[in-house]
Amino acid sequence: MRIVALGDSLTVGYMSPVTGLEWPPYQPYTRFLDEMIRDAIAKTRKDAKVEIINKGLNGDLTESMLSRFDRDVLQLKPSHVIILGGANDLGWGISVAEIYRNLEKMYDKAIHHSIRLIACAVPSILGYDSLIPPRVRLNRMIRSYCEGKGAKYVDLFSATAEPATQRLSPNYSNDGLHLSAEGYRKVAETIFKEALLPLINATSGNLEPEESEELSKM
């Protein structure tokens, strides 16, 4: 199983410094996700292999993600692609409609090339309440697309927000936008449980030939 994670700093695993000028090391959610997948596969098919390729880019916009999609996703021939983007666009005041158009084109490309799509909701934000409603609107559009296409939608917004306020939980962030190590672990856990564990469980028994091949290829 080869997975490409495409996105911005939330895929890179960027964290702001807590004190002083020392910048903490990146904590990409893909690192935690890799551990979770390997642990689950070890319990079912010990000969299965997994490879996760992180294609996050700090500060990236969905337009740029779309422009590098062929190089950073299609050329790698993954079985799955995780797409998480839109936070920077919203910060720059780009319309929800334009952001969604870019995401939709990436989603369509993945499906057209028989890559299993995992489309992630944009997490909430803390300290800028005006940027929460456009996140909610964008995430609804992403969910609707996935429901119509039979793709996996992972609700990272609900997983990391406080239900009463819809603000990003301070438990998962120290700057209101980027996540803490615990936040990135929560992202990995949510993607794993909602999108990948069901696949692993479904293929742990009597595998169809194409399913066995998918779990064992690099």
Protein backbone atom coordinates (compact mmCIF):
# COMPACT_ATOMS: atom_id res chain seq x y z
CA MET A 1 0.00 0.00 0.00
CA ARG A 2 1.58 3.27 -1.10
CA ILE A 3 0.00 6.44 0.26
CA VAL A 4 0.84 9.99 -0.82
CA ALA A 5 -0.08 12.78 1.60
CA LEU A 6 -0.52 16.06 -0.28
CA GLY A 7 -0.92 19.36 1.50
CA ASP A 8 0.57 22.42 3.16
CA SER A 9 2.23 23.00 6.55
CA LEU A 10 -0.44 20.89 8.25
CA THR A 11 0.94 17.97 6.24
CA VAL A 12 4.57 18.99 6.75
CA GLY A 13 3.97 18.93 10.50
CA TYR A 14 5.07 22.50 11.17
CA MET A 15 4.92 23.73 14.78
CA SER A 16 5.47 27.24 16.16
CA PRO A 17 8.01 27.69 18.96
CA VAL A 18 6.51 27.70 22.44
CA THR A 19 9.22 29.76 24.16
CA GLY A 20 12.26 31.64 22.96
CA LEU A 21 13.51 31.33 19.41
CA GLU A 22 14.08 27.60 19.27
CA TRP A 23 11.98 26.01 16.52
CA PRO A 24 10.65 22.57 17.40
CA PRO A 25 11.22 19.71 14.94
CA TYR A 26 8.44 18.96 12.49
CA GLN A 27 5.89 16.39 13.61
CA PRO A 28 4.15 15.26 10.39
CA TYR A 29 0.96 13.32 10.94
CA THR A 30 2.25 10.82 8.39
CA ARG A 31 4.85 9.65 10.90
CA PHE A 32 2.16 8.72 13.40
CA LEU A 33 -0.05 7.31 10.67
CA ASP A 34 2.71 5.04 9.43
CA GLU A 35 3.12 3.57 12.90
CA MET A 36 -0.62 2.98 13.26
CA ILE A 37 -0.92 1.27 9.89
CA ARG A 38 2.11 -0.96 10.48
CA ASP A 39 0.81 -2.02 13.89
CA ALA A 40 -2.61 -2.88 12.42
CA ILE A 41 -1.16 -4.78 9.46
CA ALA A 42 1.17 -6.76 11.72
CA LYS A 43 -1.90 -8.16 13.45
CA THR A 44 -3.46 -9.32 10.19
CA ARG A 45 -0.96 -9.81 7.37
CA LYS A 46 2.68 -9.82 8.45
CA ASP A 47 3.96 -9.90 4.87
CA ALA A 48 2.07 -6.78 3.83
CA LYS A 49 4.03 -3.58 3.22
CA VAL A 50 3.18 0.08 3.52
CA GLU A 51 4.87 3.22 2.27
CA ILE A 52 3.75 6.77 3.07
CA ILE A 53 5.21 9.64 1.06
CA ASN A 54 4.79 13.11 2.53
CA LYS A 55 4.33 15.79 -0.11
CA GLY A 56 3.47 18.69 2.16
CA LEU A 57 4.82 22.16 1.41
CA ASN A 58 4.83 25.03 3.88
CA GLY A 59 2.60 27.92 2.83
CA ASP A 60 1.14 26.06 -0.13
CA LEU A 61 -2.14 27.11 -1.72
CA THR A 62 -4.58 24.73 -3.39
CA GLU A 63 -3.72 26.24 -6.78
CA SER A 64 -0.10 25.21 -6.29
CA MET A 65 -1.12 21.80 -4.98
CA LEU A 66 -3.12 21.30 -8.16
CA SER A 67 -0.20 22.40 -10.36
CA ARG A 68 2.13 19.83 -8.77
CA PHE A 69 -0.43 17.05 -8.52
CA ASP A 70 0.80 15.13 -11.56
CA ARG A 71 4.43 15.22 -10.39
CA ASP A 72 3.90 14.68 -6.67
CA VAL A 73 1.00 12.23 -6.84
CA LEU A 74 0.33 10.63 -10.21
CA GLN A 75 3.97 9.93 -11.08
CA LEU A 76 4.38 8.08 -7.79
CA LYS A 77 1.52 5.71 -8.64
CA PRO A 78 0.05 5.48 -5.14
CA SER A 79 -2.84 3.26 -4.12
CA HIS A 80 -4.21 6.10 -1.95
CA VAL A 81 -3.88 9.86 -1.76
CA ILE A 82 -4.69 11.99 1.30
CA ILE A 83 -5.51 15.59 0.35
CA LEU A 84 -5.55 18.30 3.01
CA GLY A 85 -5.51 21.87 1.75
CA GLY A 86 -7.30 25.19 1.92
CA ALA A 87 -6.18 26.72 5.22
CA ASN A 88 -3.69 29.09 3.59
CA ASP A 89 -6.16 30.04 0.85
CA LEU A 90 -8.70 31.05 3.47
CA GLY A 91 -6.07 33.08 5.28
CA TRP A 92 -5.34 35.00 2.09
CA GLY A 93 -9.03 35.70 1.51
CA ILE A 94 -9.45 33.40 -1.48
CA SER A 95 -13.10 32.51 -2.00
CA VAL A 96 -14.48 29.18 -0.86
CA ALA A 97 -15.74 28.56 -4.41
CA GLU A 98 -12.24 28.95 -5.88
CA ILE A 99 -10.65 26.78 -3.21
CA TYR A 100 -13.21 24.07 -3.79
CA ARG A 101 -12.68 24.18 -7.57
CA ASN A 102 -8.98 23.47 -7.06
CA LEU A 103 -9.70 20.65 -4.63
CA GLU A 104 -12.35 19.17 -6.88
CA LYS A 105 -9.92 19.02 -9.81
CA MET A 106 -7.45 17.14 -7.64
CA TYR A 107 -10.17 14.79 -6.41
CA ASP A 108 -11.28 14.13 -9.98
CA LYS A 109 -7.72 13.39 -11.09
CA ALA A 110 -7.25 10.88 -8.30
CA ILE A 111 -10.48 9.06 -9.06
CA HIS A 112 -9.82 9.11 -12.82
CA HIS A 113 -6.49 7.35 -12.21
CA SER A 114 -8.06 4.77 -9.87
CA ILE A 115 -6.35 6.18 -6.78
CA ARG A 116 -8.38 5.81 -3.60
CA LEU A 117 -9.22 9.32 -2.44
CA ILE A 118 -9.10 10.40 1.20
CA ALA A 119 -10.34 14.00 1.31
CA CYS A 120 -9.80 15.82 4.59
CA ALA A 121 -11.79 18.65 6.09
CA VAL A 122 -9.82 21.79 6.94
CA PRO A 123 -9.35 22.01 10.72
CA SER A 124 -10.75 24.98 12.59
CA ILE A 125 -8.81 28.01 13.82
CA LEU A 126 -8.40 29.74 17.19
CA GLY A 127 -8.30 33.52 17.54
CA TYR A 128 -9.91 34.38 14.19
CA ASP A 129 -13.59 33.54 14.50
CA SER A 130 -14.39 35.18 11.16
CA LEU A 131 -12.43 32.41 9.42
CA ILE A 132 -14.49 29.62 10.94
CA PRO A 133 -17.69 29.97 8.80
CA PRO A 134 -15.81 29.69 5.47
CA ARG A 135 -14.13 26.55 6.79
CA VAL A 136 -17.53 25.10 7.62
CA ARG A 137 -18.84 25.92 4.13
CA LEU A 138 -15.79 24.45 2.40
CA ASN A 139 -15.92 21.29 4.49
CA ARG A 140 -19.58 20.79 3.64
CA MET A 141 -18.70 20.95 -0.06
CA ILE A 142 -15.88 18.44 0.42
CA ARG A 143 -18.21 16.10 2.31
CA SER A 144 -20.86 16.39 -0.40
CA TYR A 145 -18.33 15.53 -3.12
CA CYS A 146 -17.18 12.45 -1.25
CA GLU A 147 -20.72 11.29 -0.63
CA GLY A 148 -21.50 11.62 -4.33
CA LYS A 149 -18.34 9.85 -5.49
CA GLY A 150 -18.06 7.18 -2.81
CA ALA A 151 -14.74 8.60 -1.60
CA LYS A 152 -13.54 8.77 1.99
CA TYR A 153 -14.21 12.02 3.85
CA VAL A 154 -12.27 12.56 7.07
CA ASP A 155 -13.70 15.20 9.39
CA LEU A 156 -10.59 16.75 10.90
CA PHE A 157 -12.60 19.86 11.80
CA SER A 158 -14.82 18.06 14.30
CA ALA A 159 -11.95 15.90 15.53
CA THR A 160 -9.85 18.89 16.62
CA ALA A 161 -12.45 21.58 17.43
CA GLU A 162 -14.31 22.32 20.64
CA PRO A 163 -17.98 21.39 20.00
CA ALA A 164 -19.48 24.37 21.82
CA THR A 165 -17.52 27.06 19.98
CA GLN A 166 -16.28 25.29 16.82
CA ARG A 167 -12.88 26.85 17.57
CA LEU A 168 -9.69 24.83 17.26
CA SER A 169 -9.02 23.25 20.63
CA PRO A 170 -6.00 24.68 22.47
CA ASN A 171 -5.23 21.08 23.39
CA TYR A 172 -4.15 20.55 19.77
CA SER A 173 -2.47 23.86 18.90
CA ASN A 174 -0.18 26.46 20.45
CA ASP A 175 -0.57 29.21 17.85
CA GLY A 176 -4.22 28.88 16.84
CA LEU A 177 -3.51 27.64 13.32
CA HIS A 178 -0.77 25.02 13.22
CA LEU A 179 -1.04 21.94 15.34
CA SER A 180 0.97 20.63 18.25
CA ALA A 181 2.51 17.17 18.25
CA GLU A 182 -0.66 15.97 19.98
CA GLY A 183 -2.72 17.67 17.31
CA TYR A 184 -0.86 15.95 14.49
CA ARG A 185 -1.24 12.65 16.29
CA LYS A 186 -4.98 13.32 16.49
CA VAL A 187 -5.04 13.98 12.73
CA ALA A 188 -3.29 10.68 12.09
CA GLU A 189 -5.60 8.83 14.44
CA THR A 190 -8.69 10.26 12.76
CA ILE A 191 -7.50 9.46 9.23
CA PHE A 192 -6.51 5.98 10.35
CA LYS A 193 -9.79 5.16 12.06
CA GLU A 194 -12.12 6.74 9.50
CA ALA A 195 -10.36 5.82 6.25
CA LEU A 196 -7.69 3.15 6.56
CA LEU A 197 -8.56 0.80 9.40
CA PRO A 198 -11.82 -0.28 7.70
CA LEU A 199 -9.80 -1.25 4.61
CA ILE A 200 -7.26 -3.19 6.64
CA ASN A 201 -9.99 -5.00 8.55
CA ALA A 202 -11.89 -5.77 5.36
CA THR A 203 -8.84 -7.37 3.77
CA SER A 204 -7.57 -9.28 6.79
CA GLY A 205 -9.49 -12.44 6.04
CA ASN A 206 -10.11 -14.06 2.68
CA LEU A 207 -8.51 -11.62 0.26
CA GLU A 208 -9.51 -11.18 -3.31
CA PRO A 209 -6.42 -11.28 -5.59
CA GLU A 210 -6.48 -7.53 -6.30
CA GLU A 211 -6.88 -6.74 -2.59
CA SER A 212 -3.93 -8.95 -1.65
CA GLU A 213 -1.81 -7.27 -4.30
CA GLU A 214 -2.77 -3.80 -3.09
CA LEU A 215 -1.77 -4.52 0.50
CA SER A 216 1.54 -6.11 -0.46
CA LYS A 217 2.87 -3.72 -3.09
CA MET A 218 5.24 -0.83 -2.40
